[in-house]
Amino acid sequence: METEKQPDQFERVIRKGSYLFHIHTDWTDGKSSLADYCVAAKEIGFQSIIILEHVRRKCTYDFLAFNQMVEEQKTANAMEILVGAEAKILPDGTLDISELILSNIQVLGIAEHSFKGDAYSLFRALTRAFQSYHRAEFATVWVHPGLKLLQKEYDSFKFFQDAIQIALDNNVYIEVNLYHRLPPKQFLSLIPIPKLVVGLDAHSIYDIKLFGEMALDLQS
């Protein structure tokens, strides 16, 4: 069963606010189940959950079975849940994700943190990735932006600023990642509020309890 595609669904959810964005479950490196996240989310006041589960081109788990589990939890908890994937960017600007998974998500998170190469190479790879999904049927988000790029020494701030503009030009949302405190505050003024998405990068319900109230405040 393919995930239902509604191009405006992600936009509607984040505009409404009270959304829990960027969680990892016990299907990958998270420590909590989606059922546990649903309970914790409701207790804190979230109305929607947007999963960004880790993936690879050769996934270590059955992503279609994962999707089926999400559907079951949506029904069991009467909770709006969007299925997303966090994919690592590769040196050529492609992502470590399969076409099967791309056809079964509503949100794609582009992640730079495992990139091997210099600042210019990463900037070029990000540019290609942002442009590649400009007309995709799912929303695209640059997650924990700058986590790798801002660690580079040569012109990293200039490349980061340019990457923000290229992301915006290609309708890519940019995450305000509460766990990693990214992007740095001096760059926030470059990003229109409608293109900012508040994310927790949660790996357990403990992270929800730690950052949940802050996320809700920023979304209001």
C-alpha atoms as a PDB file:
ATOM      1  CA  MET A   1       0.000   0.000   0.000  1.00  0.00           C
ATOM      2  CA  GLU A   2       1.527   3.310  -1.090  1.00  0.00           C
ATOM      3  CA  THR A   3       1.360   6.310   1.204  1.00  0.00           C
ATOM      4  CA  GLU A   4      -1.363   8.700   0.146  1.00  0.00           C
ATOM      5  CA  LYS A   5       0.087  11.737  -1.627  1.00  0.00           C
ATOM      6  CA  GLN A   6      -1.342  15.115  -0.685  1.00  0.00           C
ATOM      7  CA  PRO A   7       1.205  17.773  -1.708  1.00  0.00           C
ATOM      8  CA  ASP A   8      -0.310  20.388   0.597  1.00  0.00           C
ATOM      9  CA  GLN A   9      -0.714  18.132   3.631  1.00  0.00           C
ATOM     10  CA  PHE A  10       2.681  18.932   5.170  1.00  0.00           C
ATOM     11  CA  GLU A  11       2.099  22.652   4.659  1.00  0.00           C
ATOM     12  CA  ARG A  12      -1.326  22.388   6.277  1.00  0.00           C
ATOM     13  CA  VAL A  13       0.035  20.519   9.290  1.00  0.00           C
ATOM     14  CA  ILE A  14       2.856  22.950  10.057  1.00  0.00           C
ATOM     15  CA  ARG A  15       0.655  26.011   9.477  1.00  0.00           C
ATOM     16  CA  LYS A  16      -1.831  24.623  11.982  1.00  0.00           C
ATOM     17  CA  GLY A  17       0.931  24.269  14.587  1.00  0.00           C
ATOM     18  CA  SER A  18       1.089  21.824  17.508  1.00  0.00           C
ATOM     19  CA  TYR A  19       3.034  19.308  15.405  1.00  0.00           C
ATOM     20  CA  LEU A  20       5.760  16.932  16.550  1.00  0.00           C
ATOM     21  CA  PHE A  21       8.358  16.918  13.764  1.00  0.00           C
ATOM     22  CA  HIS A  22      11.424  14.696  13.338  1.00  0.00           C
ATOM     23  CA  ILE A  23      11.196  11.601  15.502  1.00  0.00           C
ATOM     24  CA  HIS A  24      13.067   8.305  15.223  1.00  0.00           C
ATOM     25  CA  THR A  25      11.401   5.141  16.467  1.00  0.00           C
ATOM     26  CA  ASP A  26      12.657   1.783  17.672  1.00  0.00           C
ATOM     27  CA  TRP A  27      12.543   0.578  14.076  1.00  0.00           C
ATOM     28  CA  THR A  28      15.953   2.264  13.697  1.00  0.00           C
ATOM     29  CA  ASP A  29      18.077   3.984  16.365  1.00  0.00           C
ATOM     30  CA  GLY A  30      15.220   5.350  18.452  1.00  0.00           C
ATOM     31  CA  LYS A  31      14.438   3.894  21.847  1.00  0.00           C
ATOM     32  CA  SER A  32      10.663   4.462  21.882  1.00  0.00           C
ATOM     33  CA  SER A  33       7.869   2.935  19.842  1.00  0.00           C
ATOM     34  CA  LEU A  34       5.494   5.019  17.772  1.00  0.00           C
ATOM     35  CA  ALA A  35       2.728   4.005  20.187  1.00  0.00           C
ATOM     36  CA  ASP A  36       4.753   5.522  23.056  1.00  0.00           C
ATOM     37  CA  TYR A  37       5.367   8.699  21.053  1.00  0.00           C
ATOM     38  CA  CYS A  38       1.623   9.039  20.407  1.00  0.00           C
ATOM     39  CA  VAL A  39       0.837   8.860  24.125  1.00  0.00           C
ATOM     40  CA  ALA A  40       3.580  11.347  25.042  1.00  0.00           C
ATOM     41  CA  ALA A  41       2.612  13.709  22.214  1.00  0.00           C
ATOM     42  CA  LYS A  42      -1.000  13.870  23.351  1.00  0.00           C
ATOM     43  CA  GLU A  43       0.000  14.458  26.968  1.00  0.00           C
ATOM     44  CA  ILE A  44       2.130  17.474  25.992  1.00  0.00           C
ATOM     45  CA  GLY A  45      -0.364  18.907  23.521  1.00  0.00           C
ATOM     46  CA  PHE A  46       0.743  17.899  20.027  1.00  0.00           C
ATOM     47  CA  GLN A  47      -2.022  17.283  17.498  1.00  0.00           C
ATOM     48  CA  SER A  48       0.103  15.780  14.699  1.00  0.00           C
ATOM     49  CA  ILE A  49       3.259  13.695  14.373  1.00  0.00           C
ATOM     50  CA  ILE A  50       5.666  13.840  11.440  1.00  0.00           C
ATOM     51  CA  ILE A  51       8.089  10.915  11.446  1.00  0.00           C
ATOM     52  CA  LEU A  52      11.511  11.154   9.811  1.00  0.00           C
ATOM     53  CA  GLU A  53      12.811   7.615  10.066  1.00  0.00           C
ATOM     54  CA  HIS A  54      16.380   6.784   9.069  1.00  0.00           C
ATOM     55  CA  VAL A  55      16.691   4.980   5.734  1.00  0.00           C
ATOM     56  CA  ARG A  56      19.296   3.683   3.309  1.00  0.00           C
ATOM     57  CA  ARG A  57      19.055   2.561  -0.313  1.00  0.00           C
ATOM     58  CA  LYS A  58      19.402  -0.955   1.061  1.00  0.00           C
ATOM     59  CA  CYS A  59      17.174  -0.560   4.053  1.00  0.00           C
ATOM     60  CA  THR A  60      17.778  -2.809   7.047  1.00  0.00           C
ATOM     61  CA  TYR A  61      14.043  -3.097   7.716  1.00  0.00           C
ATOM     62  CA  ASP A  62      10.861  -3.502   5.685  1.00  0.00           C
ATOM     63  CA  PHE A  63       9.720   0.061   4.991  1.00  0.00           C
ATOM     64  CA  LEU A  64       6.325  -1.076   3.714  1.00  0.00           C
ATOM     65  CA  ALA A  65       5.765  -2.974   6.959  1.00  0.00           C
ATOM     66  CA  PHE A  66       6.817   0.187   8.802  1.00  0.00           C
ATOM     67  CA  ASN A  67       4.184   2.125   6.838  1.00  0.00           C
ATOM     68  CA  GLN A  68       1.563  -0.429   7.766  1.00  0.00           C
ATOM     69  CA  MET A  69       2.484  -0.053  11.443  1.00  0.00           C
ATOM     70  CA  VAL A  70       2.058   3.723  11.120  1.00  0.00           C
ATOM     71  CA  GLU A  71      -1.416   3.275   9.637  1.00  0.00           C
ATOM     72  CA  GLU A  72      -2.363   1.029  12.544  1.00  0.00           C
ATOM     73  CA  GLN A  73      -1.145   3.583  15.085  1.00  0.00           C
ATOM     74  CA  LYS A  74      -3.010   6.396  13.353  1.00  0.00           C
ATOM     75  CA  THR A  75      -6.222   4.452  13.823  1.00  0.00           C
ATOM     76  CA  ALA A  76      -5.459   3.183  17.323  1.00  0.00           C
ATOM     77  CA  ASN A  77      -4.552   6.637  18.636  1.00  0.00           C
ATOM     78  CA  ALA A  78      -6.830   8.801  16.464  1.00  0.00           C
ATOM     79  CA  MET A  79      -3.681  10.781  15.630  1.00  0.00           C
ATOM     80  CA  GLU A  80      -2.645  12.505  12.424  1.00  0.00           C
ATOM     81  CA  ILE A  81       0.725  10.995  11.456  1.00  0.00           C
ATOM     82  CA  LEU A  82       2.781  11.786   8.363  1.00  0.00           C
ATOM     83  CA  VAL A  83       5.413   9.343   7.137  1.00  0.00           C
ATOM     84  CA  GLY A  84       8.833  10.758   6.339  1.00  0.00           C
ATOM     85  CA  ALA A  85      12.396   9.585   5.825  1.00  0.00           C
ATOM     86  CA  GLU A  86      15.748  11.115   6.714  1.00  0.00           C
ATOM     87  CA  ALA A  87      18.258  10.379   3.952  1.00  0.00           C
ATOM     88  CA  LYS A  88      21.983  11.077   3.903  1.00  0.00           C
ATOM     89  CA  ILE A  89      23.423  13.138   1.079  1.00  0.00           C
ATOM     90  CA  LEU A  90      26.124  11.433  -1.006  1.00  0.00           C
ATOM     91  CA  PRO A  91      29.151  13.077  -2.671  1.00  0.00           C
ATOM     92  CA  ASP A  92      27.427  13.299  -6.071  1.00  0.00           C
ATOM     93  CA  GLY A  93      24.398  15.081  -4.622  1.00  0.00           C
ATOM     94  CA  THR A  94      22.120  12.061  -4.713  1.00  0.00           C
ATOM     95  CA  LEU A  95      20.566  10.670  -1.540  1.00  0.00           C
ATOM     96  CA  ASP A  96      20.999   7.325   0.147  1.00  0.00           C
ATOM     97  CA  ILE A  97      17.359   6.345  -0.376  1.00  0.00           C
ATOM     98  CA  SER A  98      15.517   3.971  -2.709  1.00  0.00           C
ATOM     99  CA  GLU A  99      12.773   4.791  -5.174  1.00  0.00           C
ATOM    100  CA  LEU A 100      10.492   2.431  -3.259  1.00  0.00           C
ATOM    101  CA  ILE A 101      10.832   4.532  -0.135  1.00  0.00           C
ATOM    102  CA  LEU A 102      10.507   7.812  -2.056  1.00  0.00           C
ATOM    103  CA  SER A 103       7.174   6.597  -3.405  1.00  0.00           C
ATOM    104  CA  ASN A 104       5.928   5.883   0.114  1.00  0.00           C
ATOM    105  CA  ILE A 105       6.699   9.070   2.033  1.00  0.00           C
ATOM    106  CA  GLN A 106       5.048  12.422   2.543  1.00  0.00           C
ATOM    107  CA  VAL A 107       8.181  14.212   3.793  1.00  0.00           C
ATOM    108  CA  LEU A 108      11.849  13.887   2.834  1.00  0.00           C
ATOM    109  CA  GLY A 109      14.564  15.066   5.210  1.00  0.00           C
ATOM    110  CA  ILE A 110      17.900  15.858   3.547  1.00  0.00           C
ATOM    111  CA  ALA A 111      20.738  15.228   6.021  1.00  0.00           C
ATOM    112  CA  GLU A 112      24.377  16.276   5.603  1.00  0.00           C
ATOM    113  CA  HIS A 113      25.933  14.963   8.801  1.00  0.00           C
ATOM    114  CA  SER A 114      27.688  11.913   7.316  1.00  0.00           C
ATOM    115  CA  PHE A 115      29.111  13.706   4.285  1.00  0.00           C
ATOM    116  CA  LYS A 116      32.750  13.083   3.441  1.00  0.00           C
ATOM    117  CA  GLY A 117      34.412  15.982   1.643  1.00  0.00           C
ATOM    118  CA  ASP A 118      35.235  19.676   1.869  1.00  0.00           C
ATOM    119  CA  ALA A 119      32.854  22.612   2.242  1.00  0.00           C
ATOM    120  CA  TYR A 120      32.617  23.323  -1.488  1.00  0.00           C
ATOM    121  CA  SER A 121      31.883  19.667  -2.300  1.00  0.00           C
ATOM    122  CA  LEU A 122      29.152  19.590   0.324  1.00  0.00           C
ATOM    123  CA  PHE A 123      27.689  22.854  -0.945  1.00  0.00           C
ATOM    124  CA  ARG A 124      27.575  21.472  -4.494  1.00  0.00           C
ATOM    125  CA  ALA A 125      25.982  18.241  -3.270  1.00  0.00           C
ATOM    126  CA  LEU A 126      23.328  20.137  -1.305  1.00  0.00           C
ATOM    127  CA  THR A 127      22.587  22.306  -4.326  1.00  0.00           C
ATOM    128  CA  ARG A 128      21.988  19.270  -6.504  1.00  0.00           C
ATOM    129  CA  ALA A 129      19.852  17.560  -3.872  1.00  0.00           C
ATOM    130  CA  PHE A 130      17.663  20.637  -3.346  1.00  0.00           C
ATOM    131  CA  GLN A 131      17.168  21.037  -7.090  1.00  0.00           C
ATOM    132  CA  SER A 132      16.452  17.346  -7.665  1.00  0.00           C
ATOM    133  CA  TYR A 133      13.300  17.326  -5.546  1.00  0.00           C
ATOM    134  CA  HIS A 134      11.946  20.746  -6.487  1.00  0.00           C
ATOM    135  CA  ARG A 135       8.840  19.242  -8.097  1.00  0.00           C
ATOM    136  CA  ALA A 136       8.460  16.165  -5.916  1.00  0.00           C
ATOM    137  CA  GLU A 137       5.067  14.997  -4.677  1.00  0.00           C
ATOM    138  CA  PHE A 138       6.335  15.162  -1.098  1.00  0.00           C
ATOM    139  CA  ALA A 139       7.626  18.018   1.028  1.00  0.00           C
ATOM    140  CA  THR A 140      11.400  18.415   1.384  1.00  0.00           C
ATOM    141  CA  VAL A 141      13.161  19.654   4.526  1.00  0.00           C
ATOM    142  CA  TRP A 142      16.836  20.422   5.123  1.00  0.00           C
ATOM    143  CA  VAL A 143      17.254  18.864   8.567  1.00  0.00           C
ATOM    144  CA  HIS A 144      19.779  19.946  11.220  1.00  0.00           C
ATOM    145  CA  PRO A 145      21.102  22.445   8.645  1.00  0.00           C
ATOM    146  CA  GLY A 146      24.798  23.194   8.919  1.00  0.00           C
ATOM    147  CA  LEU A 147      25.579  20.245  11.190  1.00  0.00           C
ATOM    148  CA  LYS A 148      28.414  19.257   8.864  1.00  0.00           C
ATOM    149  CA  LEU A 149      28.839  22.302   6.615  1.00  0.00           C
ATOM    150  CA  LEU A 150      29.494  24.715   9.474  1.00  0.00           C
ATOM    151  CA  GLN A 151      32.242  22.436  10.787  1.00  0.00           C
ATOM    152  CA  LYS A 152      34.248  23.000   7.608  1.00  0.00           C
ATOM    153  CA  GLU A 153      36.961  25.628   7.747  1.00  0.00           C
ATOM    154  CA  TYR A 154      37.072  27.104   4.249  1.00  0.00           C
ATOM    155  CA  ASP A 155      34.307  29.649   3.546  1.00  0.00           C
ATOM    156  CA  SER A 156      31.766  27.536   5.442  1.00  0.00           C
ATOM    157  CA  PHE A 157      29.615  30.490   6.539  1.00  0.00           C
ATOM    158  CA  LYS A 158      29.433  31.845   2.981  1.00  0.00           C
ATOM    159  CA  PHE A 159      28.516  28.429   1.581  1.00  0.00           C
ATOM    160  CA  PHE A 160      25.923  27.965   4.324  1.00  0.00           C
ATOM    161  CA  GLN A 161      24.291  31.308   3.565  1.00  0.00           C
ATOM    162  CA  ASP A 162      24.215  30.508  -0.163  1.00  0.00           C
ATOM    163  CA  ALA A 163      22.803  27.042   0.537  1.00  0.00           C
ATOM    164  CA  ILE A 164      19.946  28.597   2.508  1.00  0.00           C
ATOM    165  CA  GLN A 165      18.980  30.722  -0.489  1.00  0.00           C
ATOM    166  CA  ILE A 166      19.204  27.787  -2.902  1.00  0.00           C
ATOM    167  CA  ALA A 167      17.020  25.722  -0.582  1.00  0.00           C
ATOM    168  CA  LEU A 168      14.407  28.481  -0.488  1.00  0.00           C
ATOM    169  CA  ASP A 169      14.560  28.912  -4.273  1.00  0.00           C
ATOM    170  CA  ASN A 170      13.700  25.218  -4.608  1.00  0.00           C
ATOM    171  CA  ASN A 171      10.828  25.212  -2.115  1.00  0.00           C
ATOM    172  CA  VAL A 172      12.815  23.375   0.545  1.00  0.00           C
ATOM    173  CA  TYR A 173      11.777  23.913   4.157  1.00  0.00           C
ATOM    174  CA  ILE A 174      14.524  24.477   6.729  1.00  0.00           C
ATOM    175  CA  GLU A 175      14.424  22.870  10.138  1.00  0.00           C
ATOM    176  CA  VAL A 176      15.012  24.718  13.376  1.00  0.00           C
ATOM    177  CA  ASN A 177      16.559  21.748  15.118  1.00  0.00           C
ATOM    178  CA  LEU A 178      16.164  22.106  18.881  1.00  0.00           C
ATOM    179  CA  TYR A 179      18.483  19.254  19.795  1.00  0.00           C
ATOM    180  CA  HIS A 180      21.461  20.580  17.798  1.00  0.00           C
ATOM    181  CA  ARG A 181      20.455  24.258  18.085  1.00  0.00           C
ATOM    182  CA  LEU A 182      20.647  24.781  14.340  1.00  0.00           C
ATOM    183  CA  PRO A 183      20.707  26.901  12.330  1.00  0.00           C
ATOM    184  CA  PRO A 184      22.698  29.467  14.337  1.00  0.00           C
ATOM    185  CA  LYS A 185      20.604  32.469  15.365  1.00  0.00           C
ATOM    186  CA  GLN A 186      22.421  34.890  13.047  1.00  0.00           C
ATOM    187  CA  PHE A 187      21.038  33.010  10.033  1.00  0.00           C
ATOM    188  CA  LEU A 188      17.389  32.841  11.093  1.00  0.00           C
ATOM    189  CA  SER A 189      16.591  36.262   9.643  1.00  0.00           C
ATOM    190  CA  LEU A 190      17.458  34.895   6.180  1.00  0.00           C
ATOM    191  CA  ILE A 191      14.637  32.354   6.332  1.00  0.00           C
ATOM    192  CA  PRO A 192      10.977  33.377   5.916  1.00  0.00           C
ATOM    193  CA  ILE A 193       8.888  32.102   8.825  1.00  0.00           C
ATOM    194  CA  PRO A 194       6.598  30.001   6.554  1.00  0.00           C
ATOM    195  CA  LYS A 195       9.642  27.981   5.444  1.00  0.00           C
ATOM    196  CA  LEU A 196      10.839  27.214   8.988  1.00  0.00           C
ATOM    197  CA  VAL A 197       9.910  23.888  10.562  1.00  0.00           C
ATOM    198  CA  VAL A 198      10.518  23.264  14.276  1.00  0.00           C
ATOM    199  CA  GLY A 199      12.040  19.834  14.834  1.00  0.00           C
ATOM    200  CA  LEU A 200      13.092  17.862  17.906  1.00  0.00           C
ATOM    201  CA  ASP A 201      15.283  15.161  16.347  1.00  0.00           C
ATOM    202  CA  ALA A 202      13.859  12.931  19.068  1.00  0.00           C
ATOM    203  CA  HIS A 203      15.106   9.411  19.712  1.00  0.00           C
ATOM    204  CA  SER A 204      12.892   8.729  22.728  1.00  0.00           C
ATOM    205  CA  ILE A 205       9.892  10.107  24.568  1.00  0.00           C
ATOM    206  CA  TYR A 206      12.400  11.630  26.986  1.00  0.00           C
ATOM    207  CA  ASP A 207      13.383  14.045  24.193  1.00  0.00           C
ATOM    208  CA  ILE A 208       9.714  14.923  23.722  1.00  0.00           C
ATOM    209  CA  LYS A 209       9.376  15.763  27.384  1.00  0.00           C
ATOM    210  CA  LEU A 210      12.627  17.755  27.277  1.00  0.00           C
ATOM    211  CA  PHE A 211      11.941  19.865  24.172  1.00  0.00           C
ATOM    212  CA  GLY A 212       8.188  19.529  23.637  1.00  0.00           C
ATOM    213  CA  GLU A 213       7.035  22.696  25.382  1.00  0.00           C
ATOM    214  CA  MET A 214       9.726  24.725  23.620  1.00  0.00           C
ATOM    215  CA  ALA A 215       8.593  23.359  20.259  1.00  0.00           C
ATOM    216  CA  LEU A 216       4.973  24.247  20.935  1.00  0.00           C
ATOM    217  CA  ASP A 217       5.944  27.769  21.985  1.00  0.00           C
ATOM    218  CA  LEU A 218       7.918  28.320  18.782  1.00  0.00           C
ATOM    219  CA  GLN A 219       5.048  27.003  16.654  1.00  0.00           C
ATOM    220  CA  SER A 220       2.430  29.268  18.218  1.00  0.00           C
END
